[in-house]
């Protein structure tokens, strides 16, 4: 048995949509199933996430994306993510009594420029 990592393995043969909430992922996948492209699915997923998880996402939030271009026959990565705060170290989280990096709330936030951990 493999160690618990909080990250499931996601596989697909037709397409795949993942997000932080199952409803967002389901809506995005339904867009693909109805003939939409990956960008249509990403936008639909993002709109749903702003309703079901407004505390975790919003306009101007993070956007990690792995995109395959059929025209270029190439996989490309978009890393439009915020910086981790300068104080978000293993030592800081351990001193807070945590054994995993938090997935929600103030301690998991990103910032537009390096800063200290905490809210």
C-alpha atoms as a PDB file:
ATOM      1  CA  UNK A   1       0.000   0.000   0.000  1.00  0.00           C
ATOM      2  CA  UNK A   2       1.328   3.451  -0.886  1.00  0.00           C
ATOM      3  CA  UNK A   3       1.608   6.285   1.604  1.00  0.00           C
ATOM      4  CA  UNK A   4      -1.287   8.745   1.921  1.00  0.00           C
ATOM      5  CA  UNK A   5      -0.399  11.954   0.075  1.00  0.00           C
ATOM      6  CA  UNK A   6      -3.742  13.857  -0.088  1.00  0.00           C
ATOM      7  CA  UNK A   7      -3.383  13.820  -3.889  1.00  0.00           C
ATOM      8  CA  UNK A   8      -5.295  11.120  -5.800  1.00  0.00           C
ATOM      9  CA  UNK A   9      -4.091   9.751  -9.108  1.00  0.00           C
ATOM     10  CA  UNK A  10      -6.290  11.132 -11.900  1.00  0.00           C
ATOM     11  CA  UNK A  11      -6.492   9.263 -15.217  1.00  0.00           C
ATOM     12  CA  UNK A  12      -8.697   9.604 -18.275  1.00  0.00           C
ATOM     13  CA  UNK A  13      -8.988   8.207 -21.780  1.00  0.00           C
ATOM     14  CA  UNK A  14     -11.410  10.792 -23.203  1.00  0.00           C
ATOM     15  CA  UNK A  15     -10.405  13.750 -21.080  1.00  0.00           C
ATOM     16  CA  UNK A  16     -10.116  14.720 -17.457  1.00  0.00           C
ATOM     17  CA  UNK A  17     -11.057  17.706 -15.331  1.00  0.00           C
ATOM     18  CA  UNK A  18      -9.826  18.128 -11.776  1.00  0.00           C
ATOM     19  CA  UNK A  19     -10.410  20.856  -9.251  1.00  0.00           C
ATOM     20  CA  UNK A  20     -10.674  21.372  -5.521  1.00  0.00           C
ATOM     21  CA  UNK A  21     -14.404  20.508  -5.464  1.00  0.00           C
ATOM     22  CA  UNK A  22     -16.208  17.576  -7.045  1.00  0.00           C
ATOM     23  CA  UNK A  23     -19.048  19.747  -8.370  1.00  0.00           C
ATOM     24  CA  UNK A  24     -16.611  21.994 -10.239  1.00  0.00           C
ATOM     25  CA  UNK A  25     -14.887  18.938 -11.713  1.00  0.00           C
ATOM     26  CA  UNK A  26     -18.228  17.373 -12.700  1.00  0.00           C
ATOM     27  CA  UNK A  27     -19.396  20.542 -14.450  1.00  0.00           C
ATOM     28  CA  UNK A  28     -16.095  20.879 -16.314  1.00  0.00           C
ATOM     29  CA  UNK A  29     -16.246  17.241 -17.413  1.00  0.00           C
ATOM     30  CA  UNK A  30     -19.826  17.684 -18.598  1.00  0.00           C
ATOM     31  CA  UNK A  31     -18.645  20.534 -20.833  1.00  0.00           C
ATOM     32  CA  UNK A  32     -16.065  18.211 -22.433  1.00  0.00           C
ATOM     33  CA  UNK A  33     -18.693  15.479 -22.865  1.00  0.00           C
ATOM     34  CA  UNK A  34     -20.983  17.957 -24.654  1.00  0.00           C
ATOM     35  CA  UNK A  35     -18.263  18.848 -27.166  1.00  0.00           C
ATOM     36  CA  UNK A  36     -16.569  21.771 -25.462  1.00  0.00           C
ATOM     37  CA  UNK A  37     -12.802  22.149 -25.427  1.00  0.00           C
ATOM     38  CA  UNK A  38     -10.404  22.277 -22.478  1.00  0.00           C
ATOM     39  CA  UNK A  39     -10.675  26.062 -22.200  1.00  0.00           C
ATOM     40  CA  UNK A  40     -14.493  25.887 -22.104  1.00  0.00           C
ATOM     41  CA  UNK A  41     -14.230  23.265 -19.347  1.00  0.00           C
ATOM     42  CA  UNK A  42     -11.702  25.317 -17.376  1.00  0.00           C
ATOM     43  CA  UNK A  43     -13.885  28.432 -17.476  1.00  0.00           C
ATOM     44  CA  UNK A  44     -17.018  26.516 -16.440  1.00  0.00           C
ATOM     45  CA  UNK A  45     -15.108  24.832 -13.620  1.00  0.00           C
ATOM     46  CA  UNK A  46     -13.781  28.195 -12.440  1.00  0.00           C
ATOM     47  CA  UNK A  47     -17.251  29.753 -12.378  1.00  0.00           C
ATOM     48  CA  UNK A  48     -18.592  26.865 -10.288  1.00  0.00           C
ATOM     49  CA  UNK A  49     -15.663  27.069  -7.858  1.00  0.00           C
ATOM     50  CA  UNK A  50     -16.390  30.743  -7.240  1.00  0.00           C
ATOM     51  CA  UNK A  51     -19.829  29.662  -5.978  1.00  0.00           C
ATOM     52  CA  UNK A  52     -19.036  26.459  -4.070  1.00  0.00           C
ATOM     53  CA  UNK A  53     -15.647  27.558  -2.653  1.00  0.00           C
ATOM     54  CA  UNK A  54     -15.560  31.361  -2.642  1.00  0.00           C
ATOM     55  CA  UNK A  55     -13.028  31.318   0.209  1.00  0.00           C
ATOM     56  CA  UNK A  56     -10.527  29.399  -1.960  1.00  0.00           C
ATOM     57  CA  UNK A  57     -10.844  31.015  -5.359  1.00  0.00           C
ATOM     58  CA  UNK A  58     -11.824  34.118  -7.186  1.00  0.00           C
ATOM     59  CA  UNK A  59     -10.850  36.379 -10.052  1.00  0.00           C
ATOM     60  CA  UNK A  60      -7.083  36.669 -10.283  1.00  0.00           C
ATOM     61  CA  UNK A  61      -6.439  33.466  -8.319  1.00  0.00           C
ATOM     62  CA  UNK A  62      -3.924  30.735  -9.047  1.00  0.00           C
ATOM     63  CA  UNK A  63      -3.940  28.829 -12.343  1.00  0.00           C
ATOM     64  CA  UNK A  64      -1.709  25.814 -12.733  1.00  0.00           C
ATOM     65  CA  UNK A  65      -2.529  24.158 -16.072  1.00  0.00           C
ATOM     66  CA  UNK A  66      -1.064  21.380 -18.194  1.00  0.00           C
ATOM     67  CA  UNK A  67      -2.185  21.787 -21.816  1.00  0.00           C
ATOM     68  CA  UNK A  68      -1.665  19.574 -24.847  1.00  0.00           C
ATOM     69  CA  UNK A  69      -1.653  21.381 -28.184  1.00  0.00           C
ATOM     70  CA  UNK A  70      -2.712  19.075 -31.007  1.00  0.00           C
ATOM     71  CA  UNK A  71      -1.560  21.666 -33.529  1.00  0.00           C
ATOM     72  CA  UNK A  72       1.964  21.777 -32.040  1.00  0.00           C
ATOM     73  CA  UNK A  73       1.878  18.129 -30.839  1.00  0.00           C
ATOM     74  CA  UNK A  74       3.341  19.423 -27.603  1.00  0.00           C
ATOM     75  CA  UNK A  75       2.500  19.487 -23.900  1.00  0.00           C
ATOM     76  CA  UNK A  76       2.867  22.927 -22.326  1.00  0.00           C
ATOM     77  CA  UNK A  77       2.541  24.115 -18.734  1.00  0.00           C
ATOM     78  CA  UNK A  78       1.057  27.395 -17.547  1.00  0.00           C
ATOM     79  CA  UNK A  79       2.180  28.298 -14.052  1.00  0.00           C
ATOM     80  CA  UNK A  80       0.169  31.389 -13.183  1.00  0.00           C
ATOM     81  CA  UNK A  81       0.519  30.855  -9.463  1.00  0.00           C
ATOM     82  CA  UNK A  82       1.230  33.156  -6.574  1.00  0.00           C
ATOM     83  CA  UNK A  83       4.397  32.902  -4.528  1.00  0.00           C
ATOM     84  CA  UNK A  84       4.421  30.893  -1.313  1.00  0.00           C
ATOM     85  CA  UNK A  85       4.959  33.224   1.634  1.00  0.00           C
ATOM     86  CA  UNK A  86       8.598  33.381   2.778  1.00  0.00           C
ATOM     87  CA  UNK A  87       7.602  32.042   6.197  1.00  0.00           C
ATOM     88  CA  UNK A  88       5.766  29.011   4.795  1.00  0.00           C
ATOM     89  CA  UNK A  89       8.510  26.579   5.737  1.00  0.00           C
ATOM     90  CA  UNK A  90       8.391  23.024   7.029  1.00  0.00           C
ATOM     91  CA  UNK A  91       9.745  24.337  10.335  1.00  0.00           C
ATOM     92  CA  UNK A  92       6.921  26.899  10.612  1.00  0.00           C
ATOM     93  CA  UNK A  93       4.177  24.344   9.950  1.00  0.00           C
ATOM     94  CA  UNK A  94       5.805  21.836  12.327  1.00  0.00           C
ATOM     95  CA  UNK A  95       5.940  24.498  15.065  1.00  0.00           C
ATOM     96  CA  UNK A  96       2.187  24.972  14.545  1.00  0.00           C
ATOM     97  CA  UNK A  97       1.688  21.254  15.259  1.00  0.00           C
ATOM     98  CA  UNK A  98       0.941  20.380  11.638  1.00  0.00           C
ATOM     99  CA  UNK A  99       2.232  17.317   9.782  1.00  0.00           C
ATOM    100  CA  UNK A 100       0.824  18.215   6.334  1.00  0.00           C
ATOM    101  CA  UNK A 101       0.793  21.530   4.486  1.00  0.00           C
ATOM    102  CA  UNK A 102      -2.754  22.914   4.978  1.00  0.00           C
ATOM    103  CA  UNK A 103      -5.025  22.761   1.928  1.00  0.00           C
ATOM    104  CA  UNK A 104      -7.448  25.443   3.128  1.00  0.00           C
ATOM    105  CA  UNK A 105      -7.648  28.562   5.288  1.00  0.00           C
ATOM    106  CA  UNK A 106      -5.053  31.246   5.961  1.00  0.00           C
ATOM    107  CA  UNK A 107      -1.978  29.027   6.277  1.00  0.00           C
ATOM    108  CA  UNK A 108      -2.230  27.740   2.692  1.00  0.00           C
ATOM    109  CA  UNK A 109      -2.523  31.112   0.995  1.00  0.00           C
ATOM    110  CA  UNK A 110      -0.305  32.425  -1.731  1.00  0.00           C
ATOM    111  CA  UNK A 111       0.782  36.023  -2.006  1.00  0.00           C
ATOM    112  CA  UNK A 112       1.661  38.272  -4.931  1.00  0.00           C
ATOM    113  CA  UNK A 113       5.166  38.702  -3.498  1.00  0.00           C
ATOM    114  CA  UNK A 114       7.163  36.859  -0.818  1.00  0.00           C
ATOM    115  CA  UNK A 115       5.942  37.618   2.685  1.00  0.00           C
ATOM    116  CA  UNK A 116       5.790  35.943   6.078  1.00  0.00           C
ATOM    117  CA  UNK A 117       3.466  33.059   6.893  1.00  0.00           C
ATOM    118  CA  UNK A 118       0.206  33.620   8.712  1.00  0.00           C
ATOM    119  CA  UNK A 119      -2.792  35.846   8.114  1.00  0.00           C
END
